[in-house]
Amino acid sequence: MTHLKSSEEASFGPQEFFSEQWKVYQKVLNNNYMGHREVYCRLHELLVSYFQKPFKMLDLGCGDANFTAQALLNTNIASYKGIDLSNPALEIAKQNMAVVQCDTTFIQGDFSELVSQLMQAQQDRFDVILISFALHHLHLEQKDYFIGQLKSLLASGGIFILIDIVSKEEEDRETSQ
């Protein structure tokens, strides 16, 4: 059976689809429905208190990095590497991170695959590895393996920060999609 697209569906290209989805997500953030303001305020406090010396951050699934950029203001951040699957989000992230005084690098791709590449290259070690509101995209088995890999990318004394949503015990990931 052939699936025919409605005229509305057919008019949406990838950029338009991203733009429409991004508008909805921005409403969630701007209205603080998931507590982003409080979470990133705590992140800022942690970074200020924990790092008196310059630090390097790896941000996995960085999106537009808006809240992360705000949390990094007035910290000792020396370098920031953001990874995200979405090129349009990374373009916005570049603009948002411009206010933070540090070296920035942005990489487009699947963060779980790129972590493996970073491990194989054995070049970078990070003082902070942040994954916020992105790990839930992986299945449980993938999460365990993925988190286990991150230790090899942490510098001595480095910290891994995980911020995400969690399903209630009675909720099932597959049936809620």
N, C-alpha and C. Protein backbone atom coordinates (compact mmCIF):
# COMPACT_ATOMS: atom_id res chain seq x y z
N MET A 1 0.84 -1.17 0.00
CA MET A 1 0.00 0.00 0.00
C MET A 1 0.89 1.24 0.00
N THR A 2 0.58 2.19 -0.83
CA THR A 2 1.35 3.42 -0.93
C THR A 2 0.77 4.46 0.00
N HIS A 3 1.65 5.12 0.74
CA HIS A 3 1.23 6.20 1.63
C HIS A 3 1.31 7.50 0.86
N LEU A 4 0.17 8.15 0.70
CA LEU A 4 0.14 9.44 0.02
C LEU A 4 0.23 10.55 1.04
N LYS A 5 1.07 11.51 0.77
CA LYS A 5 1.24 12.63 1.68
C LYS A 5 0.14 13.65 1.43
N SER A 6 -0.33 14.24 2.51
CA SER A 6 -1.27 15.34 2.35
C SER A 6 -0.51 16.52 1.78
N SER A 7 -1.22 17.49 1.25
CA SER A 7 -0.54 18.66 0.68
C SER A 7 0.26 19.40 1.74
N GLU A 8 -0.22 19.37 3.00
CA GLU A 8 0.52 20.03 4.08
C GLU A 8 1.82 19.29 4.36
N GLU A 9 1.77 17.95 4.39
CA GLU A 9 2.99 17.17 4.62
C GLU A 9 3.98 17.36 3.48
N ALA A 10 3.48 17.36 2.27
CA ALA A 10 4.34 17.46 1.10
C ALA A 10 5.07 18.79 1.04
N SER A 11 4.50 19.83 1.63
CA SER A 11 5.11 21.14 1.54
C SER A 11 6.25 21.32 2.56
N PHE A 12 6.39 20.41 3.49
CA PHE A 12 7.43 20.52 4.52
C PHE A 12 8.70 19.82 4.08
N GLY A 13 9.76 20.59 3.88
CA GLY A 13 11.08 20.02 3.66
C GLY A 13 11.74 19.83 5.02
N PRO A 14 12.93 19.27 5.04
CA PRO A 14 13.63 19.05 6.32
C PRO A 14 13.82 20.33 7.13
N GLN A 15 14.17 21.42 6.47
CA GLN A 15 14.40 22.68 7.18
C GLN A 15 13.11 23.20 7.80
N GLU A 16 12.02 23.13 7.05
CA GLU A 16 10.74 23.59 7.57
C GLU A 16 10.26 22.72 8.72
N PHE A 17 10.47 21.40 8.58
CA PHE A 17 10.08 20.48 9.65
C PHE A 17 10.85 20.81 10.92
N PHE A 18 12.18 21.00 10.80
CA PHE A 18 12.99 21.37 11.96
C PHE A 18 12.47 22.66 12.57
N SER A 19 12.21 23.64 11.74
CA SER A 19 11.78 24.95 12.22
C SER A 19 10.48 24.84 13.01
N GLU A 20 9.53 24.08 12.50
CA GLU A 20 8.25 23.92 13.19
C GLU A 20 8.41 23.17 14.51
N GLN A 21 9.19 22.10 14.51
CA GLN A 21 9.43 21.35 15.73
C GLN A 21 10.19 22.19 16.75
N TRP A 22 11.13 22.99 16.26
CA TRP A 22 11.94 23.84 17.14
C TRP A 22 11.07 24.88 17.82
N LYS A 23 10.09 25.42 17.10
CA LYS A 23 9.18 26.42 17.68
C LYS A 23 8.41 25.81 18.86
N VAL A 24 7.95 24.60 18.70
CA VAL A 24 7.22 23.92 19.78
C VAL A 24 8.15 23.71 20.98
N TYR A 25 9.36 23.21 20.71
CA TYR A 25 10.32 22.96 21.79
C TYR A 25 10.69 24.26 22.50
N GLN A 26 10.83 25.34 21.76
CA GLN A 26 11.15 26.63 22.37
C GLN A 26 10.03 27.10 23.30
N LYS A 27 8.79 26.80 22.97
CA LYS A 27 7.67 27.14 23.86
C LYS A 27 7.80 26.37 25.18
N VAL A 28 8.17 25.10 25.08
CA VAL A 28 8.37 24.29 26.29
C VAL A 28 9.46 24.91 27.16
N LEU A 29 10.57 25.30 26.52
CA LEU A 29 11.68 25.89 27.26
C LEU A 29 11.34 27.26 27.82
N ASN A 30 10.77 28.11 26.99
CA ASN A 30 10.47 29.48 27.42
C ASN A 30 9.45 29.54 28.55
N ASN A 31 8.58 28.55 28.61
CA ASN A 31 7.60 28.49 29.69
C ASN A 31 8.09 27.64 30.87
N ASN A 32 9.32 27.17 30.78
CA ASN A 32 9.99 26.44 31.85
C ASN A 32 9.23 25.19 32.29
N TYR A 33 8.57 24.52 31.34
CA TYR A 33 7.78 23.34 31.67
C TYR A 33 8.61 22.19 32.21
N MET A 34 9.88 22.13 31.85
CA MET A 34 10.74 21.03 32.29
C MET A 34 11.79 21.49 33.30
N GLY A 35 11.64 22.70 33.83
CA GLY A 35 12.53 23.19 34.88
C GLY A 35 13.93 23.55 34.42
N HIS A 36 14.08 23.88 33.16
CA HIS A 36 15.42 24.21 32.63
C HIS A 36 16.09 25.35 33.40
N ARG A 37 15.36 26.37 33.74
CA ARG A 37 15.99 27.52 34.43
C ARG A 37 16.66 27.08 35.73
N GLU A 38 15.95 26.31 36.52
CA GLU A 38 16.49 25.87 37.80
C GLU A 38 17.65 24.90 37.61
N VAL A 39 17.51 23.98 36.68
CA VAL A 39 18.55 22.98 36.43
C VAL A 39 19.84 23.66 35.99
N TYR A 40 19.74 24.59 35.06
CA TYR A 40 20.95 25.24 34.55
C TYR A 40 21.52 26.26 35.52
N CYS A 41 20.70 26.78 36.41
CA CYS A 41 21.21 27.62 37.49
C CYS A 41 22.09 26.76 38.41
N ARG A 42 21.63 25.55 38.72
CA ARG A 42 22.42 24.62 39.55
C ARG A 42 23.70 24.21 38.82
N LEU A 43 23.60 24.01 37.51
CA LEU A 43 24.80 23.67 36.73
C LEU A 43 25.82 24.80 36.84
N HIS A 44 25.39 26.02 36.70
CA HIS A 44 26.29 27.17 36.83
C HIS A 44 26.96 27.18 38.21
N GLU A 45 26.16 26.99 39.25
CA GLU A 45 26.71 26.98 40.62
C GLU A 45 27.75 25.87 40.78
N LEU A 46 27.48 24.70 40.23
CA LEU A 46 28.42 23.58 40.31
C LEU A 46 29.72 23.92 39.60
N LEU A 47 29.63 24.45 38.40
CA LEU A 47 30.83 24.76 37.62
C LEU A 47 31.68 25.83 38.30
N VAL A 48 31.03 26.83 38.87
CA VAL A 48 31.76 27.90 39.56
C VAL A 48 32.46 27.36 40.80
N SER A 49 31.77 26.52 41.56
CA SER A 49 32.35 26.03 42.81
C SER A 49 33.39 24.93 42.59
N TYR A 50 33.21 24.11 41.56
CA TYR A 50 34.08 22.96 41.34
C TYR A 50 35.36 23.31 40.58
N PHE A 51 35.28 24.26 39.68
CA PHE A 51 36.41 24.56 38.81
C PHE A 51 36.95 25.96 39.06
N GLN A 52 38.00 26.03 39.87
CA GLN A 52 38.69 27.30 40.08
C GLN A 52 39.71 27.55 38.96
N LYS A 53 40.09 26.49 38.26
CA LYS A 53 41.03 26.59 37.14
C LYS A 53 40.26 26.41 35.83
N PRO A 54 40.85 26.83 34.70
CA PRO A 54 40.18 26.65 33.41
C PRO A 54 39.83 25.19 33.14
N PHE A 55 38.66 24.98 32.55
CA PHE A 55 38.21 23.62 32.28
C PHE A 55 37.71 23.48 30.84
N LYS A 56 37.72 22.21 30.38
CA LYS A 56 37.26 21.86 29.04
C LYS A 56 35.95 21.09 29.17
N MET A 57 34.96 21.45 28.32
CA MET A 57 33.66 20.79 28.38
C MET A 57 33.32 20.13 27.05
N LEU A 58 32.76 18.92 27.14
CA LEU A 58 32.16 18.22 26.01
C LEU A 58 30.66 18.18 26.27
N ASP A 59 29.88 18.71 25.35
CA ASP A 59 28.42 18.78 25.49
C ASP A 59 27.80 17.89 24.42
N LEU A 60 27.23 16.77 24.85
CA LEU A 60 26.69 15.77 23.94
C LEU A 60 25.19 15.99 23.74
N GLY A 61 24.79 16.14 22.49
CA GLY A 61 23.40 16.48 22.20
C GLY A 61 23.12 17.91 22.60
N CYS A 62 24.02 18.80 22.22
CA CYS A 62 23.99 20.19 22.72
C CYS A 62 22.80 21.00 22.24
N GLY A 63 22.15 20.60 21.15
CA GLY A 63 21.04 21.40 20.63
C GLY A 63 21.50 22.80 20.32
N ASP A 64 20.71 23.79 20.72
CA ASP A 64 21.09 25.18 20.45
C ASP A 64 22.00 25.78 21.52
N ALA A 65 22.31 25.01 22.56
CA ALA A 65 23.23 25.40 23.64
C ALA A 65 22.83 26.68 24.36
N ASN A 66 21.59 27.09 24.25
CA ASN A 66 21.15 28.34 24.86
C ASN A 66 21.32 28.32 26.38
N PHE A 67 20.75 27.32 27.03
CA PHE A 67 20.84 27.26 28.49
C PHE A 67 22.26 26.96 28.95
N THR A 68 22.98 26.14 28.19
CA THR A 68 24.37 25.84 28.55
C THR A 68 25.22 27.09 28.47
N ALA A 69 25.03 27.89 27.44
CA ALA A 69 25.79 29.14 27.30
C ALA A 69 25.55 30.05 28.50
N GLN A 70 24.30 30.15 28.92
CA GLN A 70 23.98 30.98 30.09
C GLN A 70 24.66 30.43 31.35
N ALA A 71 24.67 29.10 31.48
CA ALA A 71 25.29 28.48 32.65
C ALA A 71 26.81 28.66 32.65
N LEU A 72 27.40 28.81 31.49
CA LEU A 72 28.86 28.95 31.38
C LEU A 72 29.36 30.38 31.58
N LEU A 73 28.46 31.34 31.54
CA LEU A 73 28.88 32.73 31.75
C LEU A 73 29.51 32.88 33.13
N ASN A 74 30.61 33.62 33.19
CA ASN A 74 31.32 33.89 34.45
C ASN A 74 31.84 32.63 35.13
N THR A 75 32.21 31.63 34.33
CA THR A 75 32.90 30.45 34.84
C THR A 75 34.31 30.46 34.26
N ASN A 76 35.10 29.48 34.60
CA ASN A 76 36.47 29.37 34.09
C ASN A 76 36.57 28.48 32.86
N ILE A 77 35.53 28.46 32.04
CA ILE A 77 35.53 27.63 30.84
C ILE A 77 36.65 28.07 29.89
N ALA A 78 37.46 27.10 29.46
CA ALA A 78 38.55 27.38 28.51
C ALA A 78 38.17 26.94 27.10
N SER A 79 37.50 25.76 27.02
CA SER A 79 37.10 25.28 25.70
C SER A 79 35.81 24.48 25.82
N TYR A 80 35.03 24.56 24.76
CA TYR A 80 33.72 23.93 24.68
C TYR A 80 33.62 23.20 23.35
N LYS A 81 33.21 21.92 23.43
CA LYS A 81 32.95 21.14 22.21
C LYS A 81 31.51 20.65 22.28
N GLY A 82 30.69 21.10 21.32
CA GLY A 82 29.29 20.71 21.27
C GLY A 82 29.04 19.76 20.11
N ILE A 83 28.30 18.69 20.38
CA ILE A 83 27.96 17.70 19.36
C ILE A 83 26.45 17.59 19.30
N ASP A 84 25.92 17.63 18.08
CA ASP A 84 24.49 17.45 17.90
C ASP A 84 24.22 16.90 16.50
N LEU A 85 23.12 16.21 16.36
CA LEU A 85 22.73 15.63 15.08
C LEU A 85 22.21 16.69 14.12
N SER A 86 21.69 17.77 14.65
CA SER A 86 21.01 18.79 13.84
C SER A 86 21.92 19.95 13.47
N ASN A 87 22.17 20.11 12.18
CA ASN A 87 22.94 21.26 11.71
C ASN A 87 22.27 22.59 12.02
N PRO A 88 20.95 22.72 11.81
CA PRO A 88 20.32 24.00 12.16
C PRO A 88 20.47 24.35 13.65
N ALA A 89 20.37 23.35 14.52
CA ALA A 89 20.56 23.60 15.95
C ALA A 89 21.98 24.04 16.24
N LEU A 90 22.95 23.43 15.56
CA LEU A 90 24.35 23.81 15.77
C LEU A 90 24.63 25.24 15.30
N GLU A 91 23.97 25.67 14.25
CA GLU A 91 24.14 27.05 13.79
C GLU A 91 23.64 28.03 14.86
N ILE A 92 22.54 27.69 15.50
CA ILE A 92 22.02 28.52 16.58
C ILE A 92 22.96 28.44 17.79
N ALA A 93 23.49 27.24 18.05
CA ALA A 93 24.42 27.06 19.17
C ALA A 93 25.66 27.94 19.01
N LYS A 94 26.16 28.05 17.81
CA LYS A 94 27.32 28.91 17.56
C LYS A 94 27.02 30.35 17.97
N GLN A 95 25.83 30.82 17.63
CA GLN A 95 25.43 32.18 18.00
C GLN A 95 25.29 32.31 19.51
N ASN A 96 24.65 31.33 20.14
CA ASN A 96 24.44 31.39 21.59
C ASN A 96 25.75 31.32 22.36
N MET A 97 26.69 30.52 21.89
CA MET A 97 27.96 30.37 22.60
C MET A 97 28.92 31.54 22.35
N ALA A 98 28.59 32.41 21.41
CA ALA A 98 29.46 33.56 21.10
C ALA A 98 29.65 34.48 22.30
N VAL A 99 28.71 34.47 23.24
CA VAL A 99 28.81 35.34 24.42
C VAL A 99 29.75 34.76 25.49
N VAL A 100 30.11 33.49 25.34
CA VAL A 100 30.98 32.82 26.31
C VAL A 100 32.42 32.98 25.84
N GLN A 101 33.27 33.42 26.73
CA GLN A 101 34.68 33.66 26.38
C GLN A 101 35.48 32.37 26.47
N CYS A 102 35.46 31.59 25.38
CA CYS A 102 36.24 30.35 25.32
C CYS A 102 36.36 29.90 23.88
N ASP A 103 37.26 28.95 23.65
CA ASP A 103 37.37 28.32 22.33
C ASP A 103 36.16 27.41 22.15
N THR A 104 35.56 27.43 20.97
CA THR A 104 34.40 26.58 20.72
C THR A 104 34.61 25.75 19.46
N THR A 105 34.09 24.54 19.51
CA THR A 105 34.08 23.63 18.37
C THR A 105 32.71 22.98 18.33
N PHE A 106 32.15 22.86 17.14
CA PHE A 106 30.85 22.23 16.97
C PHE A 106 30.97 21.13 15.93
N ILE A 107 30.40 19.97 16.26
CA ILE A 107 30.48 18.82 15.36
C ILE A 107 29.08 18.29 15.13
N GLN A 108 28.73 18.12 13.85
CA GLN A 108 27.43 17.58 13.49
C GLN A 108 27.55 16.06 13.39
N GLY A 109 26.67 15.35 14.10
CA GLY A 109 26.64 13.90 14.03
C GLY A 109 25.98 13.29 15.24
N ASP A 110 25.87 11.97 15.20
CA ASP A 110 25.28 11.19 16.28
C ASP A 110 26.27 11.15 17.44
N PHE A 111 25.86 11.66 18.60
CA PHE A 111 26.81 11.77 19.72
C PHE A 111 27.34 10.42 20.17
N SER A 112 26.53 9.36 20.07
CA SER A 112 27.02 8.05 20.51
C SER A 112 28.11 7.53 19.58
N GLU A 113 28.00 7.79 18.29
CA GLU A 113 29.04 7.38 17.35
C GLU A 113 30.28 8.25 17.49
N LEU A 114 30.09 9.54 17.69
CA LEU A 114 31.22 10.46 17.78
C LEU A 114 32.03 10.25 19.06
N VAL A 115 31.38 9.81 20.13
CA VAL A 115 32.12 9.49 21.35
C VAL A 115 33.09 8.34 21.08
N SER A 116 32.64 7.34 20.33
CA SER A 116 33.53 6.23 19.97
C SER A 116 34.72 6.73 19.17
N GLN A 117 34.48 7.66 18.25
CA GLN A 117 35.58 8.22 17.45
C GLN A 117 36.55 9.02 18.32
N LEU A 118 36.02 9.79 19.26
CA LEU A 118 36.89 10.55 20.16
C LEU A 118 37.74 9.61 21.01
N MET A 119 37.14 8.50 21.44
CA MET A 119 37.89 7.52 22.24
C MET A 119 39.02 6.92 21.42
N GLN A 120 38.73 6.57 20.18
CA GLN A 120 39.76 5.97 19.32
C GLN A 120 40.89 6.95 19.03
N ALA A 121 40.56 8.22 18.87
CA ALA A 121 41.58 9.24 18.58
C ALA A 121 42.47 9.47 19.79
N GLN A 122 41.95 9.24 20.97
CA GLN A 122 42.69 9.40 22.23
C GLN A 122 43.43 10.74 22.31
N GLN A 123 42.80 11.79 21.82
CA GLN A 123 43.43 13.11 21.86
C GLN A 123 42.86 13.98 22.97
N ASP A 124 41.56 13.97 23.10
CA ASP A 124 40.90 14.89 24.03
C ASP A 124 40.49 14.20 25.32
N ARG A 125 40.69 14.91 26.40
CA ARG A 125 40.16 14.56 27.71
C ARG A 125 39.42 15.80 28.19
N PHE A 126 38.29 15.60 28.80
CA PHE A 126 37.44 16.72 29.20
C PHE A 126 37.26 16.74 30.71
N ASP A 127 37.23 17.94 31.25
CA ASP A 127 36.99 18.11 32.67
C ASP A 127 35.51 17.95 32.99
N VAL A 128 34.67 18.28 32.03
CA VAL A 128 33.22 18.14 32.17
C VAL A 128 32.67 17.48 30.92
N ILE A 129 31.90 16.42 31.11
CA ILE A 129 31.11 15.87 30.02
C ILE A 129 29.66 16.06 30.43
N LEU A 130 28.93 16.80 29.62
CA LEU A 130 27.53 17.12 29.89
C LEU A 130 26.66 16.47 28.83
N ILE A 131 25.62 15.79 29.27
CA ILE A 131 24.58 15.34 28.36
C ILE A 131 23.26 15.71 29.00
N SER A 132 22.57 16.64 28.37
CA SER A 132 21.33 17.13 28.96
C SER A 132 20.17 16.97 27.99
N PHE A 133 19.14 16.32 28.48
CA PHE A 133 17.92 16.09 27.71
C PHE A 133 18.21 15.46 26.35
N ALA A 134 19.14 14.50 26.32
CA ALA A 134 19.47 13.81 25.07
C ALA A 134 19.63 12.30 25.26
N LEU A 135 20.03 11.86 26.44
CA LEU A 135 20.28 10.43 26.65
C LEU A 135 19.00 9.61 26.49
N HIS A 136 17.85 10.20 26.73
CA HIS A 136 16.59 9.46 26.62
C HIS A 136 16.33 8.98 25.19
N HIS A 137 17.08 9.47 24.22
CA HIS A 137 16.93 9.02 22.83
C HIS A 137 17.52 7.62 22.63
N LEU A 138 18.35 7.16 23.56
CA LEU A 138 18.95 5.83 23.46
C LEU A 138 18.11 4.81 24.23
N HIS A 139 18.16 3.56 23.80
CA HIS A 139 17.51 2.47 24.53
C HIS A 139 18.34 2.14 25.76
N LEU A 140 17.73 1.46 26.74
CA LEU A 140 18.37 1.17 28.02
C LEU A 140 19.74 0.50 27.85
N GLU A 141 19.80 -0.52 26.99
CA GLU A 141 21.07 -1.23 26.80
C GLU A 141 22.13 -0.29 26.23
N GLN A 142 21.72 0.57 25.32
CA GLN A 142 22.65 1.53 24.72
C GLN A 142 23.14 2.53 25.77
N LYS A 143 22.25 2.94 26.66
CA LYS A 143 22.62 3.90 27.70
C LYS A 143 23.72 3.36 28.59
N ASP A 144 23.56 2.11 29.05
CA ASP A 144 24.57 1.50 29.93
C ASP A 144 25.93 1.47 29.25
N TYR A 145 25.95 0.99 28.02
CA TYR A 145 27.22 0.89 27.29
C TYR A 145 27.81 2.28 27.05
N PHE A 146 26.97 3.20 26.62
CA PHE A 146 27.42 4.55 26.29
C PHE A 146 28.01 5.26 27.50
N ILE A 147 27.32 5.22 28.61
CA ILE A 147 27.82 5.88 29.83
C ILE A 147 29.13 5.24 30.27
N GLY A 148 29.24 3.93 30.12
CA GLY A 148 30.49 3.26 30.47
C GLY A 148 31.67 3.74 29.64
N GLN A 149 31.44 4.13 28.40
CA GLN A 149 32.50 4.62 27.53
C GLN A 149 33.02 5.99 27.94
N LEU A 150 32.19 6.79 28.54
CA LEU A 150 32.53 8.19 28.79
C LEU A 150 33.71 8.36 29.75
N LYS A 151 33.90 7.41 30.64
CA LYS A 151 34.98 7.52 31.63
C LYS A 151 36.34 7.72 30.95
N SER A 152 36.53 7.07 29.82
CA SER A 152 37.82 7.19 29.13
C SER A 152 38.04 8.57 28.51
N LEU A 153 37.00 9.38 28.43
CA LEU A 153 37.14 10.74 27.89
C LEU A 153 37.26 11.79 28.98
N LEU A 154 37.09 11.37 30.24
CA LEU A 154 37.19 12.32 31.35
C LEU A 154 38.64 12.51 31.77
N ALA A 155 39.00 13.76 32.00
CA ALA A 155 40.32 14.07 32.56
C ALA A 155 40.32 13.63 34.03
N SER A 156 41.48 13.48 34.60
CA SER A 156 41.60 13.16 36.01
C SER A 156 40.88 14.22 36.83
N GLY A 157 40.00 13.80 37.71
CA GLY A 157 39.21 14.74 38.50
C GLY A 157 38.02 15.33 37.77
N GLY A 158 37.80 14.87 36.53
CA GLY A 158 36.68 15.38 35.74
C GLY A 158 35.34 14.85 36.23
N ILE A 159 34.28 15.49 35.77
CA ILE A 159 32.93 15.10 36.19
C ILE A 159 32.02 14.86 34.99
N PHE A 160 31.13 13.90 35.15
CA PHE A 160 30.10 13.60 34.17
C PHE A 160 28.79 14.12 34.73
N ILE A 161 28.09 14.94 33.96
CA ILE A 161 26.82 15.51 34.40
C ILE A 161 25.73 15.03 33.45
N LEU A 162 24.73 14.37 34.01
CA LEU A 162 23.60 13.86 33.25
C LEU A 162 22.34 14.57 33.72
N ILE A 163 21.68 15.21 32.78
CA ILE A 163 20.40 15.88 33.04
C ILE A 163 19.42 15.29 32.04
N ASP A 164 18.34 14.71 32.51
CA ASP A 164 17.38 14.13 31.57
C ASP A 164 16.05 13.86 32.24
N ILE A 165 15.10 13.49 31.41
CA ILE A 165 13.80 13.08 31.89
C ILE A 165 13.84 11.58 32.14
N VAL A 166 12.99 11.11 33.02
CA VAL A 166 12.94 9.69 33.36
C VAL A 166 11.48 9.26 33.34
N SER A 167 11.22 8.11 32.74
CA SER A 167 9.86 7.58 32.71
C SER A 167 9.47 7.09 34.09
N LYS A 168 8.20 7.20 34.40
CA LYS A 168 7.68 6.61 35.63
C LYS A 168 7.72 5.10 35.47
N GLU A 169 7.68 4.40 36.59
CA GLU A 169 7.80 2.95 36.57
C GLU A 169 6.74 2.30 35.68
N GLU A 170 5.54 2.85 35.67
CA GLU A 170 4.45 2.26 34.90
C GLU A 170 4.47 2.67 33.42
N GLU A 171 5.39 3.56 33.04
CA GLU A 171 5.47 4.02 31.65
C GLU A 171 6.44 3.16 30.86
N ASP A 172 6.12 2.93 29.60
CA ASP A 172 6.95 2.13 28.71
C ASP A 172 7.39 3.01 27.55
N ARG A 173 8.68 3.05 27.29
CA ARG A 173 9.23 3.93 26.25
C ARG A 173 8.64 3.62 24.87
N GLU A 174 8.54 2.35 24.51
CA GLU A 174 8.08 1.98 23.17
C GLU A 174 6.62 2.33 22.95
N THR A 175 5.77 2.17 23.96
CA THR A 175 4.35 2.44 23.76
C THR A 175 4.02 3.92 23.85
N SER A 176 4.92 4.72 24.38
CA SER A 176 4.63 6.15 24.51
C SER A 176 5.07 6.94 23.29
N GLN A 177 5.68 6.29 22.30
CA GLN A 177 6.16 7.02 21.11
C GLN A 177 5.12 7.07 20.03
